[in-house]
Amino acid sequence: LERRLDNVVYRLGLAASRSQARQLVSHGHIHLNGRKVTVPSALVRASDVVASREKKATKDLLRRLLAENTGRPVPPWLSLERDGLVGTVTVLPTRDVIPTIAEEQLVVEFYSK
């Protein structure tokens, strides 16, 4: 789930929530490796580049959202160029760098019954 494009947009700070990130991707405001992607569930790979589209209105919106989300750190598996609104997946995320808010084993046990 961490590798989904909408989650990467959220983790980079380009959206205030995952719902907003999903909408940004769905409406074509986000490019993946230079191509417009409108599927929020698209999986990113190492060295993929996530950027805003070139329209001024989109760049202004994402700059404002990025300024509002400066308190949220960018995960170590991502890098962000704030000026160009370009993020890069440096490496694939590992389990130890993903913040978990639930006991994973309990979820597995619940669904296995």
PDB file of N, CA and C in Angstrom:
ATOM      1  N   LEU A   1       0.813  -1.209   0.000  1.00  0.00           N
ATOM      2  CA  LEU A   1       0.000   0.000   0.000  1.00  0.00           C
ATOM      3  C   LEU A   1       0.850   1.264   0.000  1.00  0.00           C
ATOM      4  N   GLU A   2       2.044   1.177   0.557  1.00  0.00           N
ATOM      5  CA  GLU A   2       2.915   2.360   0.598  1.00  0.00           C
ATOM      6  C   GLU A   2       3.343   2.794  -0.792  1.00  0.00           C
ATOM      7  N   ARG A   3       3.386   1.873  -1.735  1.00  0.00           N
ATOM      8  CA  ARG A   3       3.886   2.176  -3.081  1.00  0.00           C
ATOM      9  C   ARG A   3       2.819   2.739  -4.006  1.00  0.00           C
ATOM     10  N   ARG A   4       1.591   2.850  -3.555  1.00  0.00           N
ATOM     11  CA  ARG A   4       0.534   3.417  -4.406  1.00  0.00           C
ATOM     12  C   ARG A   4       0.853   4.877  -4.701  1.00  0.00           C
ATOM     13  N   LEU A   5       0.525   5.314  -5.899  1.00  0.00           N
ATOM     14  CA  LEU A   5       0.834   6.678  -6.319  1.00  0.00           C
ATOM     15  C   LEU A   5       0.153   7.707  -5.432  1.00  0.00           C
ATOM     16  N   ASP A   6      -1.106   7.490  -5.062  1.00  0.00           N
ATOM     17  CA  ASP A   6      -1.784   8.464  -4.213  1.00  0.00           C
ATOM     18  C   ASP A   6      -1.116   8.570  -2.846  1.00  0.00           C
ATOM     19  N   ASN A   7      -0.615   7.452  -2.309  1.00  0.00           N
ATOM     20  CA  ASN A   7       0.085   7.495  -1.033  1.00  0.00           C
ATOM     21  C   ASN A   7       1.424   8.218  -1.158  1.00  0.00           C
ATOM     22  N   VAL A   8       2.119   8.020  -2.259  1.00  0.00           N
ATOM     23  CA  VAL A   8       3.399   8.706  -2.476  1.00  0.00           C
ATOM     24  C   VAL A   8       3.182  10.216  -2.552  1.00  0.00           C
ATOM     25  N   VAL A   9       2.125  10.642  -3.243  1.00  0.00           N
ATOM     26  CA  VAL A   9       1.803  12.071  -3.326  1.00  0.00           C
ATOM     27  C   VAL A   9       1.539  12.618  -1.921  1.00  0.00           C
ATOM     28  N   TYR A  10       0.806  11.869  -1.106  1.00  0.00           N
ATOM     29  CA  TYR A  10       0.534  12.283   0.274  1.00  0.00           C
ATOM     30  C   TYR A  10       1.822  12.334   1.090  1.00  0.00           C
ATOM     31  N   ARG A  11       2.638  11.299   1.002  1.00  0.00           N
ATOM     32  CA  ARG A  11       3.883  11.242   1.779  1.00  0.00           C
ATOM     33  C   ARG A  11       4.864  12.351   1.386  1.00  0.00           C
ATOM     34  N   LEU A  12       4.832  12.774   0.128  1.00  0.00           N
ATOM     35  CA  LEU A  12       5.703  13.872  -0.307  1.00  0.00           C
ATOM     36  C   LEU A  12       5.231  15.217   0.234  1.00  0.00           C
ATOM     37  N   GLY A  13       4.009  15.279   0.752  1.00  0.00           N
ATOM     38  CA  GLY A  13       3.477  16.533   1.280  1.00  0.00           C
ATOM     39  C   GLY A  13       2.753  17.357   0.236  1.00  0.00           C
ATOM     40  N   LEU A  14       2.467  16.763  -0.919  1.00  0.00           N
ATOM     41  CA  LEU A  14       1.779  17.489  -1.983  1.00  0.00           C
ATOM     42  C   LEU A  14       0.268  17.474  -1.798  1.00  0.00           C
ATOM     43  N   ALA A  15      -0.222  16.813  -0.750  1.00  0.00           N
ATOM     44  CA  ALA A  15      -1.650  16.775  -0.441  1.00  0.00           C
ATOM     45  C   ALA A  15      -1.814  16.720   1.075  1.00  0.00           C
ATOM     46  N   ALA A  16      -2.909  17.289   1.555  1.00  0.00           N
ATOM     47  CA  ALA A  16      -3.162  17.325   2.991  1.00  0.00           C
ATOM     48  C   ALA A  16      -3.699  15.994   3.516  1.00  0.00           C
ATOM     49  N   SER A  17      -4.296  15.196   2.658  1.00  0.00           N
ATOM     50  CA  SER A  17      -4.849  13.904   3.065  1.00  0.00           C
ATOM     51  C   SER A  17      -4.709  12.914   1.909  1.00  0.00           C
ATOM     52  N   ARG A  18      -4.912  11.652   2.224  1.00  0.00           N
ATOM     53  CA  ARG A  18      -4.856  10.641   1.163  1.00  0.00           C
ATOM     54  C   ARG A  18      -6.015  10.810   0.191  1.00  0.00           C
ATOM     55  N   SER A  19      -7.160  11.255   0.693  1.00  0.00           N
ATOM     56  CA  SER A  19      -8.306  11.502  -0.194  1.00  0.00           C
ATOM     57  C   SER A  19      -7.988  12.608  -1.188  1.00  0.00           C
ATOM     58  N   GLN A  20      -7.352  13.656  -0.699  1.00  0.00           N
ATOM     59  CA  GLN A  20      -6.977  14.757  -1.586  1.00  0.00           C
ATOM     60  C   GLN A  20      -5.927  14.294  -2.595  1.00  0.00           C
ATOM     61  N   ALA A  21      -4.992  13.480  -2.154  1.00  0.00           N
ATOM     62  CA  ALA A  21      -3.972  12.950  -3.064  1.00  0.00           C
ATOM     63  C   ALA A  21      -4.614  12.087  -4.139  1.00  0.00           C
ATOM     64  N   ARG A  22      -5.592  11.295  -3.743  1.00  0.00           N
ATOM     65  CA  ARG A  22      -6.307  10.450  -4.706  1.00  0.00           C
ATOM     66  C   ARG A  22      -7.002  11.305  -5.754  1.00  0.00           C
ATOM     67  N   GLN A  23      -7.611  12.403  -5.315  1.00  0.00           N
ATOM     68  CA  GLN A  23      -8.307  13.279  -6.253  1.00  0.00           C
ATOM     69  C   GLN A  23      -7.322  13.993  -7.177  1.00  0.00           C
ATOM     70  N   LEU A  24      -6.182  14.427  -6.647  1.00  0.00           N
ATOM     71  CA  LEU A  24      -5.175  15.073  -7.489  1.00  0.00           C
ATOM     72  C   LEU A  24      -4.716  14.135  -8.603  1.00  0.00           C
ATOM     73  N   VAL A  25      -4.495  12.877  -8.251  1.00  0.00           N
ATOM     74  CA  VAL A  25      -4.065  11.904  -9.258  1.00  0.00           C
ATOM     75  C   VAL A  25      -5.195  11.638 -10.253  1.00  0.00           C
ATOM     76  N   SER A  26      -6.400  11.427  -9.750  1.00  0.00           N
ATOM     77  CA  SER A  26      -7.545  11.110 -10.621  1.00  0.00           C
ATOM     78  C   SER A  26      -7.838  12.205 -11.631  1.00  0.00           C
ATOM     79  N   HIS A  27      -7.600  13.448 -11.238  1.00  0.00           N
ATOM     80  CA  HIS A  27      -7.902  14.575 -12.120  1.00  0.00           C
ATOM     81  C   HIS A  27      -6.735  14.947 -13.031  1.00  0.00           C
ATOM     82  N   GLY A  28      -5.666  14.160 -12.988  1.00  0.00           N
ATOM     83  CA  GLY A  28      -4.565  14.358 -13.922  1.00  0.00           C
ATOM     84  C   GLY A  28      -3.571  15.437 -13.545  1.00  0.00           C
ATOM     85  N   HIS A  29      -3.534  15.844 -12.276  1.00  0.00           N
ATOM     86  CA  HIS A  29      -2.596  16.884 -11.854  1.00  0.00           C
ATOM     87  C   HIS A  29      -1.190  16.342 -11.592  1.00  0.00           C
ATOM     88  N   ILE A  30      -1.049  15.025 -11.543  1.00  0.00           N
ATOM     89  CA  ILE A  30       0.227  14.391 -11.202  1.00  0.00           C
ATOM     90  C   ILE A  30       0.727  13.578 -12.392  1.00  0.00           C
ATOM     91  N   HIS A  31       2.025  13.705 -12.658  1.00  0.00           N
ATOM     92  CA  HIS A  31       2.672  12.914 -13.710  1.00  0.00           C
ATOM     93  C   HIS A  31       3.633  11.927 -13.064  1.00  0.00           C
ATOM     94  N   LEU A  32       3.708  10.745 -13.639  1.00  0.00           N
ATOM     95  CA  LEU A  32       4.643   9.722 -13.194  1.00  0.00           C
ATOM     96  C   LEU A  32       5.586   9.433 -14.347  1.00  0.00           C
ATOM     97  N   ASN A  33       6.860   9.710 -14.151  1.00  0.00           N
ATOM     98  CA  ASN A  33       7.883   9.532 -15.191  1.00  0.00           C
ATOM     99  C   ASN A  33       7.531  10.287 -16.467  1.00  0.00           C
ATOM    100  N   GLY A  34       7.008  11.503 -16.314  1.00  0.00           N
ATOM    101  CA  GLY A  34       6.716  12.354 -17.457  1.00  0.00           C
ATOM    102  C   GLY A  34       5.396  12.092 -18.150  1.00  0.00           C
ATOM    103  N   ARG A  35       4.620  11.146 -17.656  1.00  0.00           N
ATOM    104  CA  ARG A  35       3.331  10.818 -18.275  1.00  0.00           C
ATOM    105  C   ARG A  35       2.201  11.055 -17.280  1.00  0.00           C
ATOM    106  N   LYS A  36       1.084  11.565 -17.795  1.00  0.00           N
ATOM    107  CA  LYS A  36      -0.083  11.769 -16.945  1.00  0.00           C
ATOM    108  C   LYS A  36      -0.649  10.412 -16.553  1.00  0.00           C
ATOM    109  N   VAL A  37      -0.872  10.241 -15.260  1.00  0.00           N
ATOM    110  CA  VAL A  37      -1.450   9.008 -14.740  1.00  0.00           C
ATOM    111  C   VAL A  37      -2.708   9.392 -13.971  1.00  0.00           C
ATOM    112  N   THR A  38      -3.822   8.748 -14.278  1.00  0.00           N
ATOM    113  CA  THR A  38      -5.076   9.057 -13.589  1.00  0.00           C
ATOM    114  C   THR A  38      -5.566   7.885 -12.745  1.00  0.00           C
ATOM    115  N   VAL A  39      -4.689   6.952 -12.463  1.00  0.00           N
ATOM    116  CA  VAL A  39      -5.039   5.780 -11.657  1.00  0.00           C
ATOM    117  C   VAL A  39      -4.323   5.895 -10.308  1.00  0.00           C
ATOM    118  N   PRO A  40      -5.056   6.226  -9.233  1.00  0.00           N
ATOM    119  CA  PRO A  40      -4.417   6.401  -7.928  1.00  0.00           C
ATOM    120  C   PRO A  40      -3.730   5.148  -7.403  1.00  0.00           C
ATOM    121  N   SER A  41      -4.170   3.975  -7.838  1.00  0.00           N
ATOM    122  CA  SER A  41      -3.596   2.731  -7.327  1.00  0.00           C
ATOM    123  C   SER A  41      -2.359   2.283  -8.098  1.00  0.00           C
ATOM    124  N   ALA A  42      -1.879   3.085  -9.028  1.00  0.00           N
ATOM    125  CA  ALA A  42      -0.665   2.732  -9.771  1.00  0.00           C
ATOM    126  C   ALA A  42       0.492   2.579  -8.785  1.00  0.00           C
ATOM    127  N   LEU A  43       1.281   1.531  -8.968  1.00  0.00           N
ATOM    128  CA  LEU A  43       2.405   1.283  -8.068  1.00  0.00           C
ATOM    129  C   LEU A  43       3.669   1.927  -8.612  1.00  0.00           C
ATOM    130  N   VAL A  44       4.410   2.568  -7.719  1.00  0.00           N
ATOM    131  CA  VAL A  44       5.666   3.196  -8.116  1.00  0.00           C
ATOM    132  C   VAL A  44       6.802   2.209  -7.897  1.00  0.00           C
ATOM    133  N   ARG A  45       7.883   2.428  -8.624  1.00  0.00           N
ATOM    134  CA  ARG A  45       9.089   1.609  -8.503  1.00  0.00           C
ATOM    135  C   ARG A  45      10.241   2.508  -8.077  1.00  0.00           C
ATOM    136  N   ALA A  46      11.347   1.885  -7.726  1.00  0.00           N
ATOM    137  CA  ALA A  46      12.544   2.650  -7.392  1.00  0.00           C
ATOM    138  C   ALA A  46      12.959   3.469  -8.605  1.00  0.00           C
ATOM    139  N   SER A  47      13.369   4.677  -8.388  1.00  0.00           N
ATOM    140  CA  SER A  47      13.820   5.668  -9.375  1.00  0.00           C
ATOM    141  C   SER A  47      12.683   6.291 -10.173  1.00  0.00           C
ATOM    142  N   ASP A  48      11.420   6.016  -9.826  1.00  0.00           N
ATOM    143  CA  ASP A  48      10.302   6.698 -10.483  1.00  0.00           C
ATOM    144  C   ASP A  48      10.261   8.159 -10.054  1.00  0.00           C
ATOM    145  N   VAL A  49       9.827   9.014 -10.978  1.00  0.00           N
ATOM    146  CA  VAL A  49       9.750  10.454 -10.722  1.00  0.00           C
ATOM    147  C   VAL A  49       8.283  10.866 -10.712  1.00  0.00           C
ATOM    148  N   VAL A  50       7.870  11.494  -9.613  1.00  0.00           N
ATOM    149  CA  VAL A  50       6.502  11.982  -9.447  1.00  0.00           C
ATOM    150  C   VAL A  50       6.567  13.499  -9.496  1.00  0.00           C
ATOM    151  N   ALA A  51       5.809  14.107 -10.418  1.00  0.00           N
ATOM    152  CA  ALA A  51       5.875  15.561 -10.593  1.00  0.00           C
ATOM    153  C   ALA A  51       4.487  16.117 -10.860  1.00  0.00           C
ATOM    154  N   SER A  52       4.374  17.437 -10.712  1.00  0.00           N
ATOM    155  CA  SER A  52       3.109  18.091 -11.047  1.00  0.00           C
ATOM    156  C   SER A  52       3.075  18.353 -12.542  1.00  0.00           C
ATOM    157  N   ARG A  53       1.875  18.503 -13.073  1.00  0.00           N
ATOM    158  CA  ARG A  53       1.803  18.853 -14.489  1.00  0.00           C
ATOM    159  C   ARG A  53       2.238  20.302 -14.638  1.00  0.00           C
ATOM    160  N   GLU A  54       2.485  20.736 -15.848  1.00  0.00           N
ATOM    161  CA  GLU A  54       3.118  22.021 -16.113  1.00  0.00           C
ATOM    162  C   GLU A  54       2.191  23.234 -16.007  1.00  0.00           C
ATOM    163  N   LYS A  55       0.897  23.038 -15.841  1.00  0.00           N
ATOM    164  CA  LYS A  55      -0.019  24.177 -15.779  1.00  0.00           C
ATOM    165  C   LYS A  55       0.258  25.029 -14.546  1.00  0.00           C
ATOM    166  N   LYS A  56       0.181  26.337 -14.715  1.00  0.00           N
ATOM    167  CA  LYS A  56       0.455  27.270 -13.622  1.00  0.00           C
ATOM    168  C   LYS A  56      -0.508  27.066 -12.457  1.00  0.00           C
ATOM    169  N   ALA A  57      -1.780  26.853 -12.744  1.00  0.00           N
ATOM    170  CA  ALA A  57      -2.768  26.669 -11.682  1.00  0.00           C
ATOM    171  C   ALA A  57      -2.441  25.438 -10.834  1.00  0.00           C
ATOM    172  N   THR A  58      -2.014  24.362 -11.467  1.00  0.00           N
ATOM    173  CA  THR A  58      -1.648  23.147 -10.740  1.00  0.00           C
ATOM    174  C   THR A  58      -0.424  23.394  -9.876  1.00  0.00           C
ATOM    175  N   LYS A  59       0.584  24.039 -10.443  1.00  0.00           N
ATOM    176  CA  LYS A  59       1.804  24.316  -9.676  1.00  0.00           C
ATOM    177  C   LYS A  59       1.507  25.221  -8.483  1.00  0.00           C
ATOM    178  N   ASP A  60       0.658  26.240  -8.680  1.00  0.00           N
ATOM    179  CA  ASP A  60       0.294  27.131  -7.576  1.00  0.00           C
ATOM    180  C   ASP A  60      -0.428  26.365  -6.469  1.00  0.00           C
ATOM    181  N   LEU A  61      -1.358  25.497  -6.858  1.00  0.00           N
ATOM    182  CA  LEU A  61      -2.097  24.693  -5.883  1.00  0.00           C
ATOM    183  C   LEU A  61      -1.149  23.798  -5.095  1.00  0.00           C
ATOM    184  N   LEU A  62      -0.263  23.099  -5.779  1.00  0.00           N
ATOM    185  CA  LEU A  62       0.646  22.179  -5.101  1.00  0.00           C
ATOM    186  C   LEU A  62       1.670  22.919  -4.243  1.00  0.00           C
ATOM    187  N   ARG A  63       2.099  24.103  -4.670  1.00  0.00           N
ATOM    188  CA  ARG A  63       3.010  24.896  -3.831  1.00  0.00           C
ATOM    189  C   ARG A  63       2.324  25.307  -2.530  1.00  0.00           C
ATOM    190  N   ARG A  64       1.038  25.696  -2.639  1.00  0.00           N
ATOM    191  CA  ARG A  64       0.278  26.085  -1.444  1.00  0.00           C
ATOM    192  C   ARG A  64       0.110  24.881  -0.517  1.00  0.00           C
ATOM    193  N   LEU A  65      -0.244  23.731  -1.068  1.00  0.00           N
ATOM    194  CA  LEU A  65      -0.411  22.527  -0.254  1.00  0.00           C
ATOM    195  C   LEU A  65       0.905  22.104   0.389  1.00  0.00           C
ATOM    196  N   LEU A  66       1.991  22.217  -0.338  1.00  0.00           N
ATOM    197  CA  LEU A  66       3.304  21.862   0.197  1.00  0.00           C
ATOM    198  C   LEU A  66       3.689  22.791   1.343  1.00  0.00           C
ATOM    199  N   ALA A  67       3.379  24.081   1.201  1.00  0.00           N
ATOM    200  CA  ALA A  67       3.675  25.044   2.263  1.00  0.00           C
ATOM    201  C   ALA A  67       2.861  24.740   3.520  1.00  0.00           C
ATOM    202  N   GLU A  68       1.628  24.287   3.341  1.00  0.00           N
ATOM    203  CA  GLU A  68       0.777  23.953   4.484  1.00  0.00           C
ATOM    204  C   GLU A  68       1.235  22.679   5.185  1.00  0.00           C
ATOM    205  N   ASN A  69       1.933  21.806   4.484  1.00  0.00           N
ATOM    206  CA  ASN A  69       2.332  20.513   5.039  1.00  0.00           C
ATOM    207  C   ASN A  69       3.821  20.434   5.352  1.00  0.00           C
ATOM    208  N   THR A  70       4.448  21.556   5.651  1.00  0.00           N
ATOM    209  CA  THR A  70       5.894  21.536   5.908  1.00  0.00           C
ATOM    210  C   THR A  70       6.250  20.810   7.195  1.00  0.00           C
ATOM    211  N   GLY A  71       5.324  20.669   8.130  1.00  0.00           N
ATOM    212  CA  GLY A  71       5.605  19.990   9.388  1.00  0.00           C
ATOM    213  C   GLY A  71       5.701  18.484   9.259  1.00  0.00           C
ATOM    214  N   ARG A  72       5.212  17.942   8.168  1.00  0.00           N
ATOM    215  CA  ARG A  72       5.234  16.492   7.972  1.00  0.00           C
ATOM    216  C   ARG A  72       6.515  16.116   7.227  1.00  0.00           C
ATOM    217  N   PRO A  73       7.364  15.291   7.841  1.00  0.00           N
ATOM    218  CA  PRO A  73       8.635  14.948   7.180  1.00  0.00           C
ATOM    219  C   PRO A  73       8.433  14.007   5.996  1.00  0.00           C
ATOM    220  N   VAL A  74       9.314  14.121   5.026  1.00  0.00           N
ATOM    221  CA  VAL A  74       9.314  13.221   3.869  1.00  0.00           C
ATOM    222  C   VAL A  74      10.027  11.937   4.290  1.00  0.00           C
ATOM    223  N   PRO A  75       9.444  10.775   4.026  1.00  0.00           N
ATOM    224  CA  PRO A  75      10.076   9.508   4.420  1.00  0.00           C
ATOM    225  C   PRO A  75      11.447   9.327   3.768  1.00  0.00           C
ATOM    226  N   PRO A  76      12.309   8.513   4.391  1.00  0.00           N
ATOM    227  CA  PRO A  76      13.670   8.342   3.861  1.00  0.00           C
ATOM    228  C   PRO A  76      13.730   7.656   2.497  1.00  0.00           C
ATOM    229  N   TRP A  77      12.694   6.981   2.085  1.00  0.00           N
ATOM    230  CA  TRP A  77      12.695   6.289   0.791  1.00  0.00           C
ATOM    231  C   TRP A  77      12.243   7.193  -0.349  1.00  0.00           C
ATOM    232  N   LEU A  78      11.902   8.438  -0.025  1.00  0.00           N
ATOM    233  CA  LEU A  78      11.504   9.425  -1.030  1.00  0.00           C
ATOM    234  C   LEU A  78      12.404  10.643  -0.928  1.00  0.00           C
ATOM    235  N   SER A  79      12.571  11.354  -2.037  1.00  0.00           N
ATOM    236  CA  SER A  79      13.258  12.646  -1.998  1.00  0.00           C
ATOM    237  C   SER A  79      12.368  13.652  -2.710  1.00  0.00           C
ATOM    238  N   LEU A  80      12.426  14.903  -2.265  1.00  0.00           N
ATOM    239  CA  LEU A  80      11.554  15.938  -2.808  1.00  0.00           C
ATOM    240  C   LEU A  80      12.361  17.163  -3.169  1.00  0.00           C
ATOM    241  N   GLU A  81      12.194  17.622  -4.388  1.00  0.00           N
ATOM    242  CA  GLU A  81      12.758  18.900  -4.829  1.00  0.00           C
ATOM    243  C   GLU A  81      11.621  19.917  -4.738  1.00  0.00           C
ATOM    244  N   ARG A  82      11.644  20.719  -3.687  1.00  0.00           N
ATOM    245  CA  ARG A  82      10.528  21.627  -3.407  1.00  0.00           C
ATOM    246  C   ARG A  82      10.327  22.673  -4.494  1.00  0.00           C
ATOM    247  N   ASP A  83      11.390  23.180  -5.073  1.00  0.00           N
ATOM    248  CA  ASP A  83      11.251  24.240  -6.080  1.00  0.00           C
ATOM    249  C   ASP A  83      10.535  23.751  -7.328  1.00  0.00           C
ATOM    250  N   GLY A  84      10.893  22.579  -7.796  1.00  0.00           N
ATOM    251  CA  GLY A  84      10.307  22.067  -9.027  1.00  0.00           C
ATOM    252  C   GLY A  84       9.092  21.193  -8.817  1.00  0.00           C
ATOM    253  N   LEU A  85       8.722  20.974  -7.532  1.00  0.00           N
ATOM    254  CA  LEU A  85       7.602  20.090  -7.194  1.00  0.00           C
ATOM    255  C   LEU A  85       7.786  18.711  -7.814  1.00  0.00           C
ATOM    256  N   VAL A  86       8.988  18.171  -7.616  1.00  0.00           N
ATOM    257  CA  VAL A  86       9.335  16.863  -8.173  1.00  0.00           C
ATOM    258  C   VAL A  86       9.806  15.958  -7.039  1.00  0.00           C
ATOM    259  N   GLY A  87       9.200  14.793  -6.953  1.00  0.00           N
ATOM    260  CA  GLY A  87       9.608  13.803  -5.974  1.00  0.00           C
ATOM    261  C   GLY A  87      10.166  12.584  -6.673  1.00  0.00           C
ATOM    262  N   THR A  88      11.110  11.915  -6.020  1.00  0.00           N
ATOM    263  CA  THR A  88      11.721  10.718  -6.584  1.00  0.00           C
ATOM    264  C   THR A  88      11.651   9.593  -5.564  1.00  0.00           C
ATOM    265  N   VAL A  89      11.322   8.409  -6.035  1.00  0.00           N
ATOM    266  CA  VAL A  89      11.357   7.216  -5.191  1.00  0.00           C
ATOM    267  C   VAL A  89      12.793   6.719  -5.240  1.00  0.00           C
ATOM    268  N   THR A  90      13.550   6.950  -4.176  1.00  0.00           N
ATOM    269  CA  THR A  90      14.966   6.593  -4.183  1.00  0.00           C
ATOM    270  C   THR A  90      15.158   5.085  -4.039  1.00  0.00           C
ATOM    271  N   VAL A  91      14.441   4.478  -3.119  1.00  0.00           N
ATOM    272  CA  VAL A  91      14.450   3.021  -2.929  1.00  0.00           C
ATOM    273  C   VAL A  91      13.034   2.596  -2.580  1.00  0.00           C
ATOM    274  N   LEU A  92      12.752   1.322  -2.715  1.00  0.00           N
ATOM    275  CA  LEU A  92      11.437   0.833  -2.305  1.00  0.00           C
ATOM    276  C   LEU A  92      11.353   0.817  -0.782  1.00  0.00           C
ATOM    277  N   PRO A  93      10.189   1.128  -0.224  1.00  0.00           N
ATOM    278  CA  PRO A  93      10.072   1.165   1.240  1.00  0.00           C
ATOM    279  C   PRO A  93      10.166  -0.234   1.843  1.00  0.00           C
ATOM    280  N   THR A  94      10.797  -0.300   2.989  1.00  0.00           N
ATOM    281  CA  THR A  94      10.868  -1.556   3.729  1.00  0.00           C
ATOM    282  C   THR A  94       9.948  -1.444   4.936  1.00  0.00           C
ATOM    283  N   ARG A  95       9.661  -2.567   5.527  1.00  0.00           N
ATOM    284  CA  ARG A  95       8.711  -2.603   6.635  1.00  0.00           C
ATOM    285  C   ARG A  95       9.137  -1.709   7.804  1.00  0.00           C
ATOM    286  N   ASP A  96      10.429  -1.601   8.066  1.00  0.00           N
ATOM    287  CA  ASP A  96      10.882  -0.827   9.224  1.00  0.00           C
ATOM    288  C   ASP A  96      10.742   0.684   9.041  1.00  0.00           C
ATOM    289  N   VAL A  97      10.575   1.188   7.824  1.00  0.00           N
ATOM    290  CA  VAL A  97      10.414   2.635   7.623  1.00  0.00           C
ATOM    291  C   VAL A  97       8.956   3.045   7.445  1.00  0.00           C
ATOM    292  N   ILE A  98       8.053   2.071   7.474  1.00  0.00           N
ATOM    293  CA  ILE A  98       6.631   2.365   7.314  1.00  0.00           C
ATOM    294  C   ILE A  98       6.006   2.515   8.695  1.00  0.00           C
ATOM    295  N   PRO A  99       5.429   3.697   8.984  1.00  0.00           N
ATOM    296  CA  PRO A  99       4.780   3.866  10.290  1.00  0.00           C
ATOM    297  C   PRO A  99       3.479   3.058  10.343  1.00  0.00           C
ATOM    298  N   THR A 100       3.372   2.183  11.344  1.00  0.00           N
ATOM    299  CA  THR A 100       2.159   1.374  11.475  1.00  0.00           C
ATOM    300  C   THR A 100       1.354   1.866  12.665  1.00  0.00           C
ATOM    301  N   ILE A 101       0.050   1.863  12.508  1.00  0.00           N
ATOM    302  CA  ILE A 101      -0.814   2.300  13.603  1.00  0.00           C
ATOM    303  C   ILE A 101      -1.675   1.147  14.119  1.00  0.00           C
ATOM    304  N   ALA A 102      -1.425  -0.058  13.626  1.00  0.00           N
ATOM    305  CA  ALA A 102      -2.196  -1.226  14.047  1.00  0.00           C
ATOM    306  C   ALA A 102      -1.261  -2.415  14.197  1.00  0.00           C
ATOM    307  N   GLU A 103      -1.695  -3.365  14.990  1.00  0.00           N
ATOM    308  CA  GLU A 103      -0.949  -4.606  15.121  1.00  0.00           C
ATOM    309  C   GLU A 103      -1.249  -5.471  13.905  1.00  0.00           C
ATOM    310  N   GLU A 104      -0.280  -5.613  13.033  1.00  0.00           N
ATOM    311  CA  GLU A 104      -0.489  -6.340  11.783  1.00  0.00           C
ATOM    312  C   GLU A 104      -0.901  -7.787  12.017  1.00  0.00           C
ATOM    313  N   GLN A 105      -0.323  -8.412  13.006  1.00  0.00           N
ATOM    314  CA  GLN A 105      -0.636  -9.816  13.263  1.00  0.00           C
ATOM    315  C   GLN A 105      -2.094  -9.988  13.660  1.00  0.00           C
ATOM    316  N   LEU A 106      -2.645  -9.041  14.421  1.00  0.00           N
ATOM    317  CA  LEU A 106      -4.055  -9.123  14.802  1.00  0.00           C
ATOM    318  C   LEU A 106      -4.968  -8.994  13.589  1.00  0.00           C
ATOM    319  N   VAL A 107      -4.594  -8.163  12.639  1.00  0.00           N
ATOM    320  CA  VAL A 107      -5.384  -8.010  11.414  1.00  0.00           C
ATOM    321  C   VAL A 107      -5.359  -9.308  10.615  1.00  0.00           C
ATOM    322  N   VAL A 108      -4.189  -9.917  10.502  1.00  0.00           N
ATOM    323  CA  VAL A 108      -4.065 -11.185   9.778  1.00  0.00           C
ATOM    324  C   VAL A 108      -4.903 -12.261  10.460  1.00  0.00           C
ATOM    325  N   GLU A 109      -4.844 -12.335  11.786  1.00  0.00           N
ATOM    326  CA  GLU A 109      -5.629 -13.332  12.513  1.00  0.00           C
ATOM    327  C   GLU A 109      -7.121 -13.104  12.325  1.00  0.00           C
ATOM    328  N   PHE A 110      -7.548 -11.856  12.334  1.00  0.00           N
ATOM    329  CA  PHE A 110      -8.965 -11.539  12.164  1.00  0.00           C
ATOM    330  C   PHE A 110      -9.478 -12.010  10.809  1.00  0.00           C
ATOM    331  N   TYR A 111      -8.727 -11.733   9.761  1.00  0.00           N
ATOM    332  CA  TYR A 111      -9.175 -12.100   8.419  1.00  0.00           C
ATOM    333  C   TYR A 111      -8.966 -13.576   8.095  1.00  0.00           C
ATOM    334  N   SER A 112      -8.164 -14.279   8.869  1.00  0.00           N
ATOM    335  CA  SER A 112      -7.941 -15.694   8.590  1.00  0.00           C
ATOM    336  C   SER A 112      -9.039 -16.579   9.183  1.00  0.00           C
ATOM    337  N   LYS A 113      -9.905 -16.018   9.996  1.00  0.00           N
ATOM    338  CA  LYS A 113     -10.990 -16.814  10.616  1.00  0.00           C
ATOM    339  C   LYS A 113     -12.182 -16.928   9.724  1.00  0.00           C
TER     340      LYS A 113
END
